[in-house]
């Protein structure tokens, strides 16, 4: 899970969308994007990765740090969660 503080959601979102293929190539299976309803320039992304090592390698890469900086985004928190079950 990644938490981001954004200069502008509108500036960052096209960059996020453009990187879908890169994420998939790195092992990302899917991403669920959430936007704070009280602050539209805060977002959280719940990723599903093929494994923790690939997730960590991607999220902590210098490439991602540069991409985020260029998109006016700052990664404020990252957590590596283990899926236990899916319920309704």
Foldseek 3Di string as FASTA:
>chain_A
DWKKAAPDCVLQVVLVVVCPVVLVVLFWPDKDKDADPVDRRIIDIDIDGPDDVSVCCVVVDPVVVVSQVVSRMDTPDDDDDDDDDDDD
